[in-house]
Amino acid sequence: MIYSIQKRRLKQLILVSFLLFSGMAQSQILVTLIFGEKLNSEGVEFGLSGGLTRSRINGFSDQRAQTTLNLGFYFDIRLKGQWWLNTGVMVVSRQGTNRISGDELAYFYQDTTIDIDPIVSDGNFGQAMDYFNVPILIKYKHPTHFFVEGGFMLGLRTRAGTYYKASAEKASMEFVYYNQDLFRRIDAGAMFGLGYKLMKGEGMNIGVRYYHGLVDIYKSDETSLYNQTLYFFADIPIGANKEQTAD
């Protein structure tokens, strides 16, 4: 099915993102108030996580990375000494790619009557998949407040679509063809990251993680596609005091 959206403005996207972030923050604060120190203690840190996602699909010959937002929550659970388990859920997490060529685009439109040739050169075609992602990482926190981490991430795809975007003056247009039946529901792969804890080890975590998918996300035997993603993130502890967050 195709949808047409005209005159989409940047301020609408900013408003939606702000409302979503605010709603998630309020829900995390509510959970913290209910469970209190059980969520943020000497051995457990809990909070809100968000940032930018730069994703591409390994398997396409000519493409550009797709930039989106990611939002969720996280847990840091002390294992022993400076070793921690990092996990949580990325509730908003989109992976995909931009600038798919006409030949490769035909894979995703193979079961439709859409004639893509007249418009493929006038705008940007891309593929997007929405996931609930769960990272499971072993983190080492150095006394200098830098940390490194590694492990894997599991993803549950909720929907997928091939989109077309074009802009002219102050108006823009977008078409989306939802094609989740072409993609597998489960994704999994390796993840590695590094970062730094601000405010002398008592503030938020900032860093970057790299995800390399190990599961072929495309059901067809004609080609193999794998997610490759960079996550630029900030983890904000909620309800933690200095004694709770210090190592």
Protein backbone atom coordinates (compact mmCIF):
# COMPACT_ATOMS: atom_id res chain seq x y z
CA MET A 1 0.00 0.00 0.00
CA ILE A 2 1.26 3.48 -0.83
CA TYR A 3 0.77 6.62 1.19
CA SER A 4 1.40 10.18 0.01
CA ILE A 5 2.41 12.89 2.50
CA GLN A 6 2.73 16.48 1.33
CA LYS A 7 4.21 19.62 2.91
CA ARG A 8 5.98 17.81 5.73
CA ARG A 9 7.89 20.35 7.79
CA LEU A 10 10.92 19.94 9.97
CA LYS A 11 9.22 21.50 13.01
CA GLN A 12 6.64 18.69 13.00
CA LEU A 13 9.41 16.09 13.26
CA ILE A 14 11.05 18.03 16.08
CA LEU A 15 7.74 18.26 17.94
CA VAL A 16 7.04 14.54 17.62
CA SER A 17 10.56 13.66 18.77
CA PHE A 18 10.26 15.98 21.78
CA LEU A 19 6.90 14.53 22.83
CA LEU A 20 8.20 10.98 22.48
CA PHE A 21 11.34 11.73 24.48
CA SER A 22 9.32 13.51 27.18
CA GLY A 23 6.85 10.64 27.46
CA MET A 24 9.63 8.07 27.83
CA ALA A 25 11.44 10.21 30.41
CA GLN A 26 8.28 10.52 32.50
CA SER A 27 7.72 6.76 32.37
CA GLN A 28 11.30 6.05 33.49
CA ILE A 29 10.94 8.51 36.39
CA LEU A 30 7.69 6.82 37.42
CA VAL A 31 9.39 3.41 37.43
CA THR A 32 12.24 4.82 39.50
CA LEU A 33 9.83 6.29 42.05
CA ILE A 34 8.07 2.92 42.37
CA PHE A 35 11.20 0.80 42.81
CA GLY A 36 13.43 3.43 44.42
CA GLU A 37 16.96 2.39 45.32
CA LYS A 38 16.44 -1.10 43.92
CA LEU A 39 16.95 0.36 40.43
CA ASN A 40 19.81 2.75 41.20
CA SER A 41 22.21 1.44 43.80
CA GLU A 42 25.90 0.71 44.17
CA GLY A 43 25.60 -2.28 41.86
CA VAL A 44 22.84 -1.18 39.47
CA GLU A 45 22.43 1.91 37.29
CA PHE A 46 19.20 2.56 35.39
CA GLY A 47 18.20 5.37 33.06
CA LEU A 48 17.13 6.74 29.72
CA SER A 49 19.19 6.14 26.58
CA GLY A 50 19.04 7.98 23.26
CA GLY A 51 21.05 9.31 20.37
CA LEU A 52 21.67 9.13 16.64
CA THR A 53 21.77 6.04 14.42
CA ARG A 54 23.83 5.80 11.22
CA SER A 55 22.85 2.63 9.40
CA ARG A 56 23.43 0.89 6.09
CA ILE A 57 22.66 -2.52 4.61
CA ASN A 58 25.66 -4.64 3.66
CA GLY A 59 24.90 -6.19 0.28
CA PHE A 60 24.07 -3.12 -1.77
CA SER A 61 26.73 -1.87 -4.17
CA ASP A 62 25.83 1.82 -4.11
CA GLN A 63 24.14 3.42 -1.11
CA ARG A 64 24.34 6.14 1.54
CA ALA A 65 24.00 5.76 5.27
CA GLN A 66 20.62 6.55 6.82
CA THR A 67 20.49 8.84 9.88
CA THR A 68 17.67 8.39 12.43
CA LEU A 69 17.01 8.71 16.17
CA ASN A 70 17.15 5.93 18.76
CA LEU A 71 15.46 6.00 22.17
CA GLY A 72 15.12 3.50 24.98
CA PHE A 73 16.30 2.62 28.48
CA TYR A 74 19.31 0.83 29.89
CA PHE A 75 20.63 -1.11 32.88
CA ASP A 76 24.24 -1.31 34.05
CA ILE A 77 24.56 -4.25 36.47
CA ARG A 78 27.83 -4.78 38.32
CA LEU A 79 29.30 -8.24 37.90
CA LYS A 80 32.59 -7.93 39.77
CA GLY A 81 34.92 -5.01 40.38
CA GLN A 82 35.09 -2.89 37.23
CA TRP A 83 33.13 -5.42 35.15
CA TRP A 84 29.49 -4.68 34.37
CA LEU A 85 26.62 -6.12 32.32
CA ASN A 86 24.96 -3.55 30.08
CA THR A 87 21.50 -4.28 28.68
CA GLY A 88 18.14 -2.62 28.07
CA VAL A 89 15.75 -2.04 25.19
CA MET A 90 15.92 0.35 22.23
CA VAL A 91 12.20 1.07 21.89
CA VAL A 92 12.75 3.37 18.91
CA SER A 93 15.40 1.92 16.62
CA ARG A 94 15.36 2.14 12.83
CA GLN A 95 17.90 0.50 10.54
CA GLY A 96 18.19 0.68 6.79
CA THR A 97 19.87 2.61 4.01
CA ASN A 98 19.48 5.49 1.55
CA ARG A 99 20.12 5.92 -2.17
CA ILE A 100 19.32 2.42 -3.39
CA SER A 101 19.96 1.96 -7.11
CA GLY A 102 17.11 1.21 -9.51
CA ASP A 103 18.28 -2.34 -10.22
CA GLU A 104 18.55 -3.24 -6.54
CA LEU A 105 15.32 -1.44 -5.74
CA ALA A 106 13.47 -3.80 -8.09
CA TYR A 107 13.95 -6.62 -5.54
CA PHE A 108 11.67 -4.88 -3.07
CA TYR A 109 9.02 -4.01 -5.65
CA GLN A 110 9.02 -7.37 -7.42
CA ASP A 111 5.50 -8.31 -6.30
CA THR A 112 3.85 -4.98 -7.17
CA THR A 113 2.61 -3.22 -10.30
CA ILE A 114 4.54 -0.04 -9.48
CA ASP A 115 6.57 1.40 -12.34
CA ILE A 116 9.62 2.80 -10.62
CA ASP A 117 11.63 3.82 -13.71
CA PRO A 118 10.08 7.31 -14.28
CA ILE A 119 10.76 8.49 -10.72
CA VAL A 120 13.86 6.60 -9.54
CA SER A 121 16.24 9.35 -10.73
CA ASP A 122 14.28 12.31 -9.34
CA GLY A 123 14.45 11.59 -5.61
CA ASN A 124 15.83 9.29 -2.96
CA PHE A 125 14.76 5.68 -2.56
CA GLY A 126 15.67 3.86 0.63
CA GLN A 127 14.77 0.89 2.78
CA ALA A 128 13.88 1.18 6.48
CA MET A 129 13.19 -1.46 9.14
CA ASP A 130 11.89 -0.68 12.63
CA TYR A 131 13.15 -2.88 15.48
CA PHE A 132 12.94 -3.45 19.19
CA ASN A 133 16.64 -4.01 19.93
CA VAL A 134 18.12 -5.59 23.06
CA PRO A 135 21.90 -5.20 23.50
CA ILE A 136 23.64 -7.60 25.88
CA LEU A 137 27.16 -6.32 26.51
CA ILE A 138 30.00 -6.92 28.93
CA LYS A 139 31.41 -3.54 29.95
CA TYR A 140 34.75 -2.75 31.56
CA LYS A 141 34.84 0.63 33.34
CA HIS A 142 38.38 1.96 33.67
CA PRO A 143 39.20 4.11 36.74
CA THR A 144 39.74 7.07 34.35
CA HIS A 145 35.96 6.83 33.59
CA PHE A 146 36.48 5.53 30.05
CA PHE A 147 34.80 2.23 29.27
CA VAL A 148 34.87 -0.44 26.58
CA GLU A 149 32.18 -3.01 25.93
CA GLY A 150 31.43 -5.94 23.67
CA GLY A 151 28.81 -8.62 23.13
CA PHE A 152 25.79 -9.05 20.90
CA MET A 153 22.42 -7.51 20.13
CA LEU A 154 19.08 -9.14 19.34
CA GLY A 155 16.43 -7.39 17.25
CA LEU A 156 12.71 -7.97 16.70
CA ARG A 157 11.48 -6.32 13.51
CA THR A 158 8.08 -4.65 13.78
CA ARG A 159 7.65 -3.24 10.27
CA ALA A 160 9.61 -2.43 7.12
CA GLY A 161 9.10 -0.23 4.11
CA THR A 162 10.73 1.03 0.94
CA TYR A 163 10.30 4.78 0.70
CA TYR A 164 10.69 7.51 -1.86
CA LYS A 165 11.40 11.12 -0.85
CA ALA A 166 11.56 14.25 -2.97
CA SER A 167 11.55 17.94 -2.10
CA ALA A 168 10.72 21.08 -4.05
CA GLU A 169 10.94 24.56 -2.54
CA LYS A 170 9.07 24.44 0.82
CA ALA A 171 7.09 21.26 0.12
CA SER A 172 8.13 17.64 0.29
CA MET A 173 6.55 14.37 -0.72
CA GLU A 174 7.04 10.84 0.53
CA PHE A 175 5.73 7.49 -0.66
CA VAL A 176 6.08 4.36 1.46
CA TYR A 177 5.52 0.79 0.29
CA TYR A 178 5.34 -1.48 3.33
CA ASN A 179 7.13 -4.75 2.56
CA GLN A 180 7.83 -6.39 5.93
CA ASP A 181 6.90 -9.79 4.50
CA LEU A 182 10.18 -9.73 2.56
CA PHE A 183 12.29 -9.48 5.73
CA ARG A 184 12.95 -11.83 8.60
CA ARG A 185 11.48 -10.96 11.99
CA ILE A 186 14.67 -11.69 13.96
CA ASP A 187 18.04 -10.01 13.60
CA ALA A 188 21.17 -10.71 15.63
CA GLY A 189 24.81 -9.75 15.51
CA ALA A 190 27.97 -8.61 17.27
CA MET A 191 28.27 -5.22 18.99
CA PHE A 192 31.28 -3.31 20.28
CA GLY A 193 31.54 0.11 21.87
CA LEU A 194 33.55 2.63 23.82
CA GLY A 195 32.61 5.69 25.82
CA TYR A 196 33.16 7.98 28.75
CA LYS A 197 31.25 8.77 31.95
CA LEU A 198 31.00 12.52 32.55
CA MET A 199 31.24 14.54 35.78
CA LYS A 200 34.12 12.55 37.25
CA GLY A 201 32.21 9.30 36.96
CA GLU A 202 28.93 10.60 38.38
CA GLY A 203 27.09 11.81 35.26
CA MET A 204 25.79 10.51 31.98
CA ASN A 205 27.54 8.04 29.70
CA ILE A 206 28.40 9.14 26.16
CA GLY A 207 29.89 6.97 23.47
CA VAL A 208 29.57 5.09 20.22
CA ARG A 209 28.68 1.48 19.43
CA TYR A 210 29.14 -0.49 16.23
CA TYR A 211 26.70 -3.27 15.31
CA HIS A 212 27.51 -5.89 12.65
CA GLY A 213 24.55 -8.08 11.74
CA LEU A 214 25.19 -11.81 11.37
CA VAL A 215 21.70 -12.82 10.23
CA ASP A 216 20.60 -12.44 6.61
CA ILE A 217 17.60 -10.11 7.04
CA TYR A 218 16.24 -10.70 3.51
CA LYS A 219 14.16 -13.84 2.90
CA SER A 220 14.97 -14.21 -0.81
CA ASP A 221 17.74 -16.59 -1.92
CA GLU A 222 18.75 -14.19 -4.72
CA THR A 223 20.78 -11.91 -2.45
CA SER A 224 21.98 -11.65 1.16
CA LEU A 225 21.57 -8.46 3.20
CA TYR A 226 22.99 -7.63 6.64
CA ASN A 227 22.50 -4.63 8.93
CA GLN A 228 25.54 -2.51 9.77
CA THR A 229 24.97 0.32 12.22
CA LEU A 230 26.73 3.00 14.27
CA TYR A 231 24.96 4.17 17.43
CA PHE A 232 25.99 7.50 18.95
CA PHE A 233 24.42 7.42 22.39
CA ALA A 234 23.96 9.24 25.69
CA ASP A 235 22.83 7.27 28.76
CA ILE A 236 21.20 9.44 31.42
CA PRO A 237 20.91 7.91 34.92
CA ILE A 238 17.56 8.60 36.56
CA GLY A 239 17.14 8.97 40.31
CA ALA A 240 20.77 8.16 41.12
CA ASN A 241 22.82 10.17 43.59
CA LYS A 242 26.61 10.47 43.82
CA GLU A 243 27.04 7.46 46.06
CA GLN A 244 24.92 5.32 43.74
CA THR A 245 26.71 6.15 40.49
CA ALA A 246 30.32 6.36 41.65
CA ASP A 247 32.54 3.36 40.96
